[in-house]
Amino acid sequence: MSKKILVIDDDREILFAMSAICEYQNWIPVTAKNVMEGLELVKKEEPDVILIDYYMPVINGMDGVKEIRKLDDQVPIIVLTVEENQKVANQFLKVGASDFALKPIKAPDIISRIKVHLRLKESIRAVNMAFDDYTKGISPETLEIIEEYMRSSESYYSINNIANGTGLAYQTVHRYLQHMESKNKVEVSYKYGKVGRPQKRYKLKQVKKSQ
């Protein structure tokens, strides 16, 4: 899925240039000419990275960062500024900015900075997901044992099949398969017998490789 980059700047030339840079990188540009418009787009578009100018009328970039952080405490915010002042930089960091890019904007520099923050955001997301799994009693090592066993064939497995094949307890396998089902990692089919409820059988979903 293409990443959304929100640019908040009162300079139309900057908005035009950043839109062109984003389109060149196959990112979706979203633009606002002031902070109030930008805040509405933060709520509506849920951008992956935000670029905001320091000097703007009515509400400046410093206050803009403060307001954005009230809506989203995770999105990377890159401040666009002509100001090479450490005191100003420290103030921006204190209110929640993630990085800075000096004007006039240089395409290689801003592209590099955006890519760094996109990768960092994905890394944090992966760590948070792993932590959530850990707190739910899901061990990455045990999960990998089950997934590795299921990768050996494209057949559907019963809980007993997996338990016998991996040496894990039936209840453990059952809990992990429920977790994998909730994460949409497995396909589920039902085997109907003559008596009782149908038995669930599981197959690991194949991850499509990007071209």
N, C-alpha and C. Protein backbone atom coordinates (compact mmCIF):
# COMPACT_ATOMS: atom_id res chain seq x y z
N MET A 1 0.85 -1.19 0.00
CA MET A 1 0.00 0.00 0.00
C MET A 1 0.89 1.24 0.00
N SER A 2 0.52 2.20 -0.87
CA SER A 2 1.30 3.43 -0.96
C SER A 2 1.20 4.24 0.33
N LYS A 3 2.30 4.88 0.69
CA LYS A 3 2.35 5.67 1.91
C LYS A 3 1.82 7.08 1.65
N LYS A 4 1.13 7.63 2.64
CA LYS A 4 0.61 8.99 2.54
C LYS A 4 1.54 9.97 3.24
N ILE A 5 1.92 11.01 2.51
CA ILE A 5 2.79 12.04 3.06
C ILE A 5 2.02 13.34 3.11
N LEU A 6 1.78 13.85 4.31
CA LEU A 6 1.08 15.12 4.47
C LEU A 6 2.09 16.26 4.56
N VAL A 7 1.90 17.28 3.70
CA VAL A 7 2.77 18.45 3.70
C VAL A 7 1.93 19.67 4.08
N ILE A 8 2.34 20.36 5.15
CA ILE A 8 1.64 21.56 5.61
C ILE A 8 2.57 22.76 5.42
N ASP A 9 2.21 23.63 4.48
CA ASP A 9 3.07 24.78 4.16
C ASP A 9 2.23 25.82 3.45
N ASP A 10 2.47 27.09 3.75
CA ASP A 10 1.69 28.15 3.10
C ASP A 10 2.28 28.56 1.76
N ASP A 11 3.41 27.97 1.38
CA ASP A 11 4.07 28.27 0.11
C ASP A 11 3.60 27.27 -0.94
N ARG A 12 2.88 27.75 -1.95
CA ARG A 12 2.33 26.87 -2.98
C ARG A 12 3.42 26.16 -3.77
N GLU A 13 4.55 26.85 -3.96
CA GLU A 13 5.65 26.23 -4.70
C GLU A 13 6.20 25.02 -3.94
N ILE A 14 6.28 25.13 -2.62
CA ILE A 14 6.74 24.00 -1.80
C ILE A 14 5.76 22.84 -1.91
N LEU A 15 4.47 23.15 -1.83
CA LEU A 15 3.44 22.11 -1.93
C LEU A 15 3.53 21.42 -3.29
N PHE A 16 3.73 22.19 -4.34
CA PHE A 16 3.84 21.63 -5.68
C PHE A 16 5.09 20.74 -5.79
N ALA A 17 6.21 21.25 -5.29
CA ALA A 17 7.47 20.49 -5.38
C ALA A 17 7.39 19.20 -4.58
N MET A 18 6.84 19.27 -3.37
CA MET A 18 6.74 18.07 -2.54
C MET A 18 5.76 17.06 -3.13
N SER A 19 4.70 17.55 -3.76
CA SER A 19 3.76 16.64 -4.42
C SER A 19 4.46 15.88 -5.54
N ALA A 20 5.28 16.60 -6.31
CA ALA A 20 6.01 15.96 -7.40
C ALA A 20 7.01 14.93 -6.87
N ILE A 21 7.70 15.27 -5.79
CA ILE A 21 8.66 14.34 -5.18
C ILE A 21 7.94 13.08 -4.68
N CYS A 22 6.82 13.26 -4.03
CA CYS A 22 6.05 12.11 -3.52
C CYS A 22 5.58 11.21 -4.66
N GLU A 23 5.04 11.81 -5.70
CA GLU A 23 4.55 11.03 -6.84
C GLU A 23 5.69 10.27 -7.50
N TYR A 24 6.86 10.88 -7.56
CA TYR A 24 8.04 10.21 -8.13
C TYR A 24 8.41 8.97 -7.31
N GLN A 25 8.18 9.03 -6.01
CA GLN A 25 8.51 7.92 -5.11
C GLN A 25 7.33 6.96 -4.91
N ASN A 26 6.24 7.18 -5.65
CA ASN A 26 5.01 6.38 -5.51
C ASN A 26 4.38 6.51 -4.13
N TRP A 27 4.57 7.67 -3.51
CA TRP A 27 3.87 8.01 -2.29
C TRP A 27 2.67 8.87 -2.65
N ILE A 28 1.68 8.90 -1.79
CA ILE A 28 0.48 9.70 -2.03
C ILE A 28 0.65 11.05 -1.33
N PRO A 29 0.73 12.15 -2.10
CA PRO A 29 0.87 13.46 -1.45
C PRO A 29 -0.48 13.99 -0.98
N VAL A 30 -0.49 14.52 0.23
CA VAL A 30 -1.67 15.19 0.79
C VAL A 30 -1.19 16.55 1.26
N THR A 31 -1.82 17.64 0.81
CA THR A 31 -1.29 18.96 1.10
C THR A 31 -2.30 19.85 1.82
N ALA A 32 -1.75 20.75 2.65
CA ALA A 32 -2.56 21.74 3.37
C ALA A 32 -1.79 23.04 3.41
N LYS A 33 -2.50 24.16 3.23
CA LYS A 33 -1.81 25.45 3.19
C LYS A 33 -1.75 26.15 4.55
N ASN A 34 -2.33 25.50 5.58
CA ASN A 34 -2.22 26.04 6.93
C ASN A 34 -2.43 24.92 7.94
N VAL A 35 -2.18 25.23 9.20
CA VAL A 35 -2.23 24.20 10.24
C VAL A 35 -3.65 23.66 10.44
N MET A 36 -4.66 24.53 10.40
CA MET A 36 -6.02 24.07 10.62
C MET A 36 -6.44 23.05 9.56
N GLU A 37 -6.11 23.33 8.30
CA GLU A 37 -6.39 22.35 7.23
C GLU A 37 -5.61 21.07 7.49
N GLY A 38 -4.37 21.25 7.93
CA GLY A 38 -3.52 20.09 8.18
C GLY A 38 -4.08 19.19 9.27
N LEU A 39 -4.60 19.78 10.34
CA LEU A 39 -5.14 18.99 11.44
C LEU A 39 -6.36 18.18 10.99
N GLU A 40 -7.18 18.77 10.14
CA GLU A 40 -8.32 18.03 9.61
C GLU A 40 -7.86 16.85 8.77
N LEU A 41 -6.78 17.04 8.01
CA LEU A 41 -6.26 15.96 7.17
C LEU A 41 -5.57 14.88 7.99
N VAL A 42 -4.98 15.26 9.12
CA VAL A 42 -4.39 14.26 10.02
C VAL A 42 -5.48 13.29 10.48
N LYS A 43 -6.64 13.84 10.84
CA LYS A 43 -7.76 13.00 11.31
C LYS A 43 -8.38 12.20 10.17
N LYS A 44 -8.48 12.80 9.01
CA LYS A 44 -9.17 12.17 7.89
C LYS A 44 -8.30 11.17 7.15
N GLU A 45 -7.05 11.53 6.89
CA GLU A 45 -6.17 10.73 6.02
C GLU A 45 -5.24 9.79 6.76
N GLU A 46 -4.98 10.03 8.05
CA GLU A 46 -4.04 9.23 8.83
C GLU A 46 -2.71 9.05 8.08
N PRO A 47 -1.99 10.15 7.84
CA PRO A 47 -0.75 10.08 7.06
C PRO A 47 0.34 9.26 7.75
N ASP A 48 1.27 8.76 6.95
CA ASP A 48 2.39 7.97 7.47
C ASP A 48 3.54 8.85 7.92
N VAL A 49 3.70 10.01 7.28
CA VAL A 49 4.72 10.99 7.66
C VAL A 49 4.12 12.38 7.44
N ILE A 50 4.47 13.32 8.30
CA ILE A 50 4.00 14.70 8.14
C ILE A 50 5.19 15.63 8.01
N LEU A 51 5.14 16.53 7.03
CA LEU A 51 6.12 17.61 6.90
C LEU A 51 5.40 18.91 7.19
N ILE A 52 5.98 19.75 8.04
CA ILE A 52 5.32 21.00 8.40
C ILE A 52 6.32 22.15 8.41
N ASP A 53 5.92 23.26 7.83
CA ASP A 53 6.76 24.46 7.80
C ASP A 53 6.75 25.15 9.16
N TYR A 54 7.87 25.79 9.49
CA TYR A 54 7.96 26.51 10.76
C TYR A 54 7.18 27.83 10.69
N TYR A 55 7.56 28.68 9.71
CA TYR A 55 6.97 30.01 9.64
C TYR A 55 5.70 29.99 8.79
N MET A 56 4.55 30.10 9.47
CA MET A 56 3.26 30.20 8.79
C MET A 56 2.39 31.20 9.53
N PRO A 57 1.49 31.88 8.83
CA PRO A 57 0.63 32.86 9.50
C PRO A 57 -0.41 32.19 10.39
N VAL A 58 -0.93 32.92 11.34
CA VAL A 58 -1.99 32.52 12.28
C VAL A 58 -1.47 31.48 13.28
N ILE A 59 -1.19 30.28 12.79
CA ILE A 59 -0.64 29.22 13.65
C ILE A 59 0.68 28.77 13.06
N ASN A 60 1.78 28.92 13.78
CA ASN A 60 3.08 28.54 13.22
C ASN A 60 3.34 27.03 13.40
N GLY A 61 4.46 26.60 12.87
CA GLY A 61 4.79 25.18 12.90
C GLY A 61 4.99 24.62 14.29
N MET A 62 5.51 25.43 15.20
CA MET A 62 5.72 24.97 16.58
C MET A 62 4.40 24.58 17.23
N ASP A 63 3.42 25.49 17.12
CA ASP A 63 2.10 25.18 17.68
C ASP A 63 1.42 24.08 16.88
N GLY A 64 1.73 24.03 15.58
CA GLY A 64 1.17 22.96 14.74
C GLY A 64 1.61 21.59 15.20
N VAL A 65 2.89 21.45 15.54
CA VAL A 65 3.40 20.17 16.03
C VAL A 65 2.70 19.79 17.33
N LYS A 66 2.51 20.77 18.22
CA LYS A 66 1.82 20.50 19.49
C LYS A 66 0.42 19.96 19.25
N GLU A 67 -0.30 20.58 18.29
CA GLU A 67 -1.67 20.16 18.02
C GLU A 67 -1.72 18.79 17.35
N ILE A 68 -0.76 18.53 16.46
CA ILE A 68 -0.71 17.21 15.80
C ILE A 68 -0.49 16.12 16.84
N ARG A 69 0.38 16.39 17.80
CA ARG A 69 0.69 15.38 18.81
C ARG A 69 -0.52 15.07 19.71
N LYS A 70 -1.46 15.99 19.79
CA LYS A 70 -2.69 15.71 20.53
C LYS A 70 -3.55 14.69 19.79
N LEU A 71 -3.38 14.64 18.46
CA LEU A 71 -4.16 13.72 17.63
C LEU A 71 -3.45 12.40 17.38
N ASP A 72 -2.13 12.46 17.29
CA ASP A 72 -1.35 11.26 16.95
C ASP A 72 0.02 11.39 17.60
N ASP A 73 0.32 10.49 18.53
CA ASP A 73 1.61 10.58 19.23
C ASP A 73 2.69 9.71 18.60
N GLN A 74 2.39 9.11 17.44
CA GLN A 74 3.35 8.21 16.81
C GLN A 74 3.86 8.69 15.45
N VAL A 75 3.02 9.37 14.68
CA VAL A 75 3.39 9.73 13.31
C VAL A 75 4.67 10.57 13.29
N PRO A 76 5.64 10.25 12.43
CA PRO A 76 6.85 11.07 12.32
C PRO A 76 6.52 12.46 11.78
N ILE A 77 7.10 13.47 12.39
CA ILE A 77 6.89 14.86 11.96
C ILE A 77 8.24 15.47 11.61
N ILE A 78 8.39 15.88 10.35
CA ILE A 78 9.62 16.53 9.89
C ILE A 78 9.34 18.01 9.70
N VAL A 79 10.11 18.84 10.37
CA VAL A 79 9.91 20.29 10.30
C VAL A 79 10.74 20.86 9.15
N LEU A 80 10.08 21.67 8.32
CA LEU A 80 10.77 22.37 7.23
C LEU A 80 11.08 23.79 7.70
N THR A 81 12.35 24.18 7.65
CA THR A 81 12.71 25.48 8.19
C THR A 81 13.98 26.03 7.55
N VAL A 82 14.08 27.37 7.55
CA VAL A 82 15.32 28.04 7.12
C VAL A 82 16.16 28.35 8.35
N GLU A 83 15.63 28.05 9.51
CA GLU A 83 16.27 28.39 10.79
C GLU A 83 17.31 27.35 11.18
N GLU A 84 18.59 27.76 11.24
CA GLU A 84 19.65 26.87 11.70
C GLU A 84 20.04 27.28 13.12
N ASN A 85 19.11 27.08 14.02
CA ASN A 85 19.29 27.52 15.40
C ASN A 85 19.02 26.34 16.32
N GLN A 86 20.02 25.96 17.10
CA GLN A 86 19.89 24.78 17.96
C GLN A 86 18.80 24.97 19.01
N LYS A 87 18.64 26.20 19.49
CA LYS A 87 17.60 26.46 20.48
C LYS A 87 16.22 26.18 19.92
N VAL A 88 16.00 26.63 18.68
CA VAL A 88 14.71 26.38 18.03
C VAL A 88 14.52 24.88 17.80
N ALA A 89 15.60 24.21 17.37
CA ALA A 89 15.53 22.76 17.14
C ALA A 89 15.15 22.04 18.43
N ASN A 90 15.77 22.44 19.52
CA ASN A 90 15.48 21.80 20.81
C ASN A 90 14.02 22.02 21.22
N GLN A 91 13.49 23.21 20.93
CA GLN A 91 12.10 23.50 21.26
C GLN A 91 11.15 22.61 20.45
N PHE A 92 11.48 22.43 19.18
CA PHE A 92 10.65 21.57 18.33
C PHE A 92 10.69 20.12 18.82
N LEU A 93 11.87 19.65 19.16
CA LEU A 93 11.99 18.28 19.67
C LEU A 93 11.20 18.11 20.96
N LYS A 94 11.22 19.15 21.78
CA LYS A 94 10.53 19.09 23.07
C LYS A 94 9.02 18.95 22.88
N VAL A 95 8.46 19.59 21.84
CA VAL A 95 7.01 19.53 21.64
C VAL A 95 6.59 18.35 20.77
N GLY A 96 7.59 17.58 20.24
CA GLY A 96 7.21 16.35 19.56
C GLY A 96 7.68 16.16 18.14
N ALA A 97 8.50 17.08 17.60
CA ALA A 97 9.02 16.90 16.25
C ALA A 97 10.00 15.73 16.21
N SER A 98 10.09 15.08 15.03
CA SER A 98 10.97 13.93 14.88
C SER A 98 12.28 14.27 14.17
N ASP A 99 12.24 15.28 13.28
CA ASP A 99 13.40 15.55 12.44
C ASP A 99 13.23 16.93 11.81
N PHE A 100 14.31 17.37 11.12
CA PHE A 100 14.30 18.68 10.48
C PHE A 100 14.87 18.57 9.08
N ALA A 101 14.38 19.42 8.17
CA ALA A 101 14.94 19.53 6.83
C ALA A 101 15.04 21.02 6.50
N LEU A 102 16.21 21.44 6.09
CA LEU A 102 16.43 22.85 5.80
C LEU A 102 15.89 23.23 4.43
N LYS A 103 15.32 24.43 4.37
CA LYS A 103 14.94 25.02 3.10
C LYS A 103 16.12 25.81 2.56
N PRO A 104 16.29 25.91 1.25
CA PRO A 104 15.45 25.31 0.21
C PRO A 104 15.56 23.78 0.20
N ILE A 105 14.46 23.13 -0.07
CA ILE A 105 14.40 21.67 -0.04
C ILE A 105 15.24 21.07 -1.15
N LYS A 106 16.02 20.06 -0.78
CA LYS A 106 16.79 19.29 -1.76
C LYS A 106 16.18 17.90 -1.83
N ALA A 107 15.74 17.52 -3.03
CA ALA A 107 14.99 16.27 -3.19
C ALA A 107 15.70 15.05 -2.58
N PRO A 108 17.01 14.82 -2.87
CA PRO A 108 17.65 13.62 -2.30
C PRO A 108 17.61 13.61 -0.77
N ASP A 109 17.78 14.78 -0.15
CA ASP A 109 17.79 14.86 1.31
C ASP A 109 16.41 14.55 1.89
N ILE A 110 15.37 15.18 1.35
CA ILE A 110 14.04 14.97 1.92
C ILE A 110 13.54 13.56 1.65
N ILE A 111 13.86 13.00 0.49
CA ILE A 111 13.47 11.62 0.19
C ILE A 111 14.13 10.67 1.19
N SER A 112 15.42 10.89 1.43
CA SER A 112 16.16 10.04 2.38
C SER A 112 15.56 10.13 3.77
N ARG A 113 15.23 11.34 4.21
CA ARG A 113 14.67 11.51 5.55
C ARG A 113 13.31 10.83 5.69
N ILE A 114 12.48 10.98 4.68
CA ILE A 114 11.15 10.35 4.72
C ILE A 114 11.29 8.84 4.75
N LYS A 115 12.19 8.29 3.94
CA LYS A 115 12.38 6.84 3.90
C LYS A 115 12.86 6.31 5.26
N VAL A 116 13.76 7.05 5.88
CA VAL A 116 14.26 6.64 7.20
C VAL A 116 13.12 6.54 8.21
N HIS A 117 12.24 7.54 8.20
CA HIS A 117 11.15 7.55 9.17
C HIS A 117 10.07 6.53 8.83
N LEU A 118 9.88 6.24 7.56
CA LEU A 118 8.94 5.18 7.19
C LEU A 118 9.44 3.83 7.68
N ARG A 119 10.75 3.57 7.50
CA ARG A 119 11.34 2.31 7.97
C ARG A 119 11.28 2.22 9.49
N LEU A 120 11.59 3.33 10.16
CA LEU A 120 11.56 3.35 11.61
C LEU A 120 10.15 3.09 12.13
N LYS A 121 9.16 3.68 11.48
CA LYS A 121 7.78 3.48 11.88
C LYS A 121 7.37 2.02 11.75
N GLU A 122 7.78 1.37 10.65
CA GLU A 122 7.47 -0.05 10.46
C GLU A 122 8.16 -0.91 11.50
N SER A 123 9.39 -0.55 11.84
CA SER A 123 10.13 -1.31 12.86
C SER A 123 9.44 -1.22 14.21
N ILE A 124 9.02 -0.01 14.57
CA ILE A 124 8.32 0.19 15.85
C ILE A 124 7.02 -0.59 15.86
N ARG A 125 6.31 -0.58 14.73
CA ARG A 125 5.05 -1.31 14.64
C ARG A 125 5.28 -2.80 14.83
N ALA A 126 6.34 -3.33 14.22
CA ALA A 126 6.64 -4.76 14.34
C ALA A 126 7.00 -5.11 15.79
N VAL A 127 7.77 -4.24 16.43
CA VAL A 127 8.14 -4.48 17.83
C VAL A 127 6.90 -4.46 18.72
N ASN A 128 6.00 -3.50 18.47
CA ASN A 128 4.78 -3.40 19.27
C ASN A 128 3.90 -4.63 19.10
N MET A 129 3.82 -5.13 17.85
CA MET A 129 3.02 -6.33 17.60
C MET A 129 3.62 -7.53 18.31
N ALA A 130 4.95 -7.62 18.28
CA ALA A 130 5.63 -8.74 18.96
C ALA A 130 5.41 -8.65 20.47
N PHE A 131 5.44 -7.41 20.99
CA PHE A 131 5.21 -7.22 22.43
C PHE A 131 3.79 -7.61 22.80
N ASP A 132 2.82 -7.22 21.94
CA ASP A 132 1.42 -7.59 22.19
C ASP A 132 1.26 -9.10 22.24
N ASP A 133 1.94 -9.78 21.29
CA ASP A 133 1.88 -11.24 21.27
C ASP A 133 2.49 -11.82 22.55
N TYR A 134 3.61 -11.23 22.98
CA TYR A 134 4.29 -11.72 24.17
C TYR A 134 3.39 -11.58 25.40
N THR A 135 2.73 -10.41 25.51
CA THR A 135 1.88 -10.19 26.68
C THR A 135 0.66 -11.09 26.67
N LYS A 136 0.29 -11.61 25.50
CA LYS A 136 -0.83 -12.54 25.42
C LYS A 136 -0.37 -13.99 25.63
N GLY A 137 0.91 -14.16 25.95
CA GLY A 137 1.43 -15.50 26.17
C GLY A 137 1.82 -16.21 24.89
N ILE A 138 2.02 -15.46 23.81
CA ILE A 138 2.43 -16.05 22.53
C ILE A 138 3.93 -15.87 22.37
N SER A 139 4.65 -16.98 22.40
CA SER A 139 6.10 -16.95 22.24
C SER A 139 6.46 -16.99 20.75
N PRO A 140 7.29 -16.04 20.27
CA PRO A 140 7.72 -16.07 18.87
C PRO A 140 8.39 -17.39 18.50
N GLU A 141 9.14 -17.98 19.44
CA GLU A 141 9.85 -19.24 19.14
C GLU A 141 8.86 -20.38 18.93
N THR A 142 7.86 -20.49 19.81
CA THR A 142 6.85 -21.55 19.65
C THR A 142 6.03 -21.34 18.39
N LEU A 143 5.70 -20.08 18.13
CA LEU A 143 4.95 -19.76 16.92
C LEU A 143 5.72 -20.18 15.67
N GLU A 144 7.03 -19.95 15.67
CA GLU A 144 7.85 -20.32 14.52
C GLU A 144 7.90 -21.84 14.35
N ILE A 145 7.93 -22.60 15.45
CA ILE A 145 7.94 -24.07 15.37
C ILE A 145 6.68 -24.56 14.65
N ILE A 146 5.54 -24.00 15.02
CA ILE A 146 4.26 -24.41 14.40
C ILE A 146 4.21 -23.98 12.94
N GLU A 147 4.62 -22.75 12.65
CA GLU A 147 4.59 -22.27 11.27
C GLU A 147 5.55 -23.07 10.39
N GLU A 148 6.73 -23.38 10.91
CA GLU A 148 7.70 -24.16 10.14
C GLU A 148 7.16 -25.54 9.82
N TYR A 149 6.50 -26.17 10.78
CA TYR A 149 5.91 -27.49 10.55
C TYR A 149 4.83 -27.41 9.47
N MET A 150 4.01 -26.37 9.53
CA MET A 150 2.92 -26.23 8.56
C MET A 150 3.41 -25.86 7.17
N ARG A 151 4.61 -25.27 7.08
CA ARG A 151 5.18 -24.93 5.77
C ARG A 151 5.62 -26.16 5.00
N SER A 152 5.77 -27.30 5.69
CA SER A 152 6.28 -28.50 5.03
C SER A 152 5.29 -29.10 4.04
N SER A 153 4.04 -28.65 4.10
CA SER A 153 3.03 -29.18 3.18
C SER A 153 1.93 -28.14 3.03
N GLU A 154 1.24 -28.18 1.90
CA GLU A 154 0.12 -27.27 1.68
C GLU A 154 -1.20 -27.91 2.08
N SER A 155 -1.11 -29.03 2.80
CA SER A 155 -2.32 -29.71 3.26
C SER A 155 -2.92 -28.99 4.46
N TYR A 156 -4.15 -29.33 4.76
CA TYR A 156 -4.79 -28.84 5.99
C TYR A 156 -4.41 -29.78 7.14
N TYR A 157 -4.13 -29.19 8.31
CA TYR A 157 -3.73 -29.96 9.48
C TYR A 157 -4.78 -29.87 10.58
N SER A 158 -4.97 -30.95 11.29
CA SER A 158 -5.76 -30.89 12.51
C SER A 158 -4.84 -30.49 13.65
N ILE A 159 -5.42 -30.15 14.79
CA ILE A 159 -4.60 -29.81 15.95
C ILE A 159 -3.75 -31.01 16.36
N ASN A 160 -4.34 -32.20 16.31
CA ASN A 160 -3.58 -33.41 16.66
C ASN A 160 -2.40 -33.63 15.73
N ASN A 161 -2.60 -33.39 14.43
CA ASN A 161 -1.50 -33.54 13.46
C ASN A 161 -0.31 -32.68 13.88
N ILE A 162 -0.60 -31.42 14.19
CA ILE A 162 0.46 -30.47 14.52
C ILE A 162 1.09 -30.81 15.87
N ALA A 163 0.26 -31.17 16.83
CA ALA A 163 0.78 -31.53 18.15
C ALA A 163 1.72 -32.72 18.05
N ASN A 164 1.31 -33.76 17.30
CA ASN A 164 2.16 -34.95 17.14
C ASN A 164 3.42 -34.63 16.36
N GLY A 165 3.30 -33.77 15.36
CA GLY A 165 4.45 -33.45 14.50
C GLY A 165 5.48 -32.57 15.15
N THR A 166 5.03 -31.72 16.09
CA THR A 166 5.95 -30.77 16.72
C THR A 166 6.34 -31.17 18.14
N GLY A 167 5.59 -32.08 18.73
CA GLY A 167 5.85 -32.47 20.12
C GLY A 167 5.28 -31.50 21.13
N LEU A 168 4.47 -30.55 20.65
CA LEU A 168 3.85 -29.58 21.56
C LEU A 168 2.54 -30.15 22.11
N ALA A 169 2.12 -29.63 23.24
CA ALA A 169 0.87 -30.09 23.84
C ALA A 169 -0.33 -29.65 23.00
N TYR A 170 -1.38 -30.47 23.04
CA TYR A 170 -2.59 -30.18 22.27
C TYR A 170 -3.13 -28.79 22.60
N GLN A 171 -3.24 -28.44 23.89
CA GLN A 171 -3.79 -27.16 24.29
C GLN A 171 -2.93 -25.99 23.82
N THR A 172 -1.61 -26.21 23.80
CA THR A 172 -0.70 -25.17 23.31
C THR A 172 -0.94 -24.90 21.84
N VAL A 173 -1.00 -25.98 21.06
CA VAL A 173 -1.24 -25.84 19.61
C VAL A 173 -2.59 -25.17 19.37
N HIS A 174 -3.60 -25.58 20.13
CA HIS A 174 -4.93 -25.01 19.97
C HIS A 174 -4.92 -23.50 20.21
N ARG A 175 -4.23 -23.06 21.26
CA ARG A 175 -4.16 -21.64 21.58
C ARG A 175 -3.42 -20.85 20.50
N TYR A 176 -2.34 -21.44 20.00
CA TYR A 176 -1.55 -20.74 18.97
C TYR A 176 -2.31 -20.67 17.65
N LEU A 177 -3.05 -21.71 17.32
CA LEU A 177 -3.85 -21.68 16.08
C LEU A 177 -4.97 -20.65 16.18
N GLN A 178 -5.54 -20.50 17.36
CA GLN A 178 -6.54 -19.46 17.55
C GLN A 178 -5.92 -18.08 17.33
N HIS A 179 -4.71 -17.90 17.86
CA HIS A 179 -3.99 -16.64 17.66
C HIS A 179 -3.71 -16.41 16.17
N MET A 180 -3.24 -17.45 15.48
CA MET A 180 -2.92 -17.32 14.06
C MET A 180 -4.18 -17.04 13.23
N GLU A 181 -5.29 -17.61 13.65
CA GLU A 181 -6.56 -17.35 12.96
C GLU A 181 -6.96 -15.89 13.14
N SER A 182 -6.77 -15.36 14.35
CA SER A 182 -7.12 -13.96 14.61
C SER A 182 -6.24 -13.00 13.82
N LYS A 183 -5.02 -13.44 13.51
CA LYS A 183 -4.08 -12.62 12.74
C LYS A 183 -4.18 -12.87 11.24
N ASN A 184 -5.15 -13.70 10.85
CA ASN A 184 -5.38 -14.03 9.44
C ASN A 184 -4.16 -14.70 8.80
N LYS A 185 -3.47 -15.53 9.58
CA LYS A 185 -2.29 -16.24 9.09
C LYS A 185 -2.61 -17.63 8.56
N VAL A 186 -3.82 -18.13 8.85
CA VAL A 186 -4.17 -19.49 8.44
C VAL A 186 -5.52 -19.50 7.73
N GLU A 187 -5.67 -20.49 6.84
CA GLU A 187 -6.97 -20.78 6.24
C GLU A 187 -7.60 -21.91 7.05
N VAL A 188 -8.90 -21.84 7.23
CA VAL A 188 -9.59 -22.83 8.06
C VAL A 188 -10.63 -23.57 7.22
N SER A 189 -10.64 -24.89 7.35
CA SER A 189 -11.69 -25.70 6.73
C SER A 189 -12.30 -26.58 7.81
N TYR A 190 -13.43 -27.18 7.51
CA TYR A 190 -14.14 -28.00 8.49
C TYR A 190 -14.33 -29.42 7.95
N LYS A 191 -13.97 -30.38 8.77
CA LYS A 191 -14.17 -31.79 8.43
C LYS A 191 -15.38 -32.28 9.22
N TYR A 192 -16.40 -32.70 8.49
CA TYR A 192 -17.64 -33.13 9.14
C TYR A 192 -17.65 -34.64 9.32
N GLY A 193 -17.85 -35.07 10.53
CA GLY A 193 -17.97 -36.49 10.84
C GLY A 193 -19.43 -36.87 11.01
N LYS A 194 -19.64 -38.11 11.37
CA LYS A 194 -21.01 -38.60 11.54
C LYS A 194 -21.65 -38.07 12.83
N VAL A 195 -20.82 -37.86 13.85
CA VAL A 195 -21.35 -37.45 15.15
C VAL A 195 -20.55 -36.27 15.67
N GLY A 196 -21.23 -35.36 16.34
CA GLY A 196 -20.54 -34.26 17.01
C GLY A 196 -20.27 -33.07 16.10
N ARG A 197 -19.53 -32.09 16.65
CA ARG A 197 -19.24 -30.86 15.92
C ARG A 197 -18.19 -31.12 14.85
N PRO A 198 -18.20 -30.32 13.76
CA PRO A 198 -17.16 -30.47 12.74
C PRO A 198 -15.79 -30.11 13.30
N GLN A 199 -14.76 -30.79 12.80
CA GLN A 199 -13.40 -30.56 13.27
C GLN A 199 -12.73 -29.50 12.40
N LYS A 200 -12.13 -28.53 13.06
CA LYS A 200 -11.39 -27.50 12.32
C LYS A 200 -10.06 -28.06 11.83
N ARG A 201 -9.70 -27.67 10.61
CA ARG A 201 -8.39 -28.02 10.06
C ARG A 201 -7.77 -26.74 9.52
N TYR A 202 -6.45 -26.67 9.62
CA TYR A 202 -5.76 -25.41 9.34
C TYR A 202 -4.67 -25.58 8.29
N LYS A 203 -4.54 -24.52 7.48
CA LYS A 203 -3.46 -24.48 6.49
C LYS A 203 -2.83 -23.08 6.55
N LEU A 204 -1.50 -23.06 6.56
CA LEU A 204 -0.79 -21.78 6.63
C LEU A 204 -0.98 -21.01 5.34
N LYS A 205 -1.34 -19.74 5.46
CA LYS A 205 -1.51 -18.91 4.26
C LYS A 205 -0.15 -18.63 3.64
N GLN A 206 -0.12 -18.68 2.31
CA GLN A 206 1.12 -18.41 1.60
C GLN A 206 1.32 -16.91 1.50
N VAL A 207 2.51 -16.44 1.84
CA VAL A 207 2.83 -15.02 1.72
C VAL A 207 3.24 -14.73 0.30
N LYS A 208 2.52 -13.79 -0.34
CA LYS A 208 2.84 -13.44 -1.72
C LYS A 208 4.10 -12.60 -1.78
N LYS A 209 5.01 -13.02 -2.60
CA LYS A 209 6.26 -12.27 -2.76
C LYS A 209 6.03 -11.08 -3.66
N SER A 210 6.59 -9.93 -3.25
CA SER A 210 6.44 -8.72 -4.08
C SER A 210 7.28 -8.86 -5.32
N GLN A 211 6.76 -8.27 -6.40
CA GLN A 211 7.47 -8.35 -7.68
C GLN A 211 8.71 -7.46 -7.67
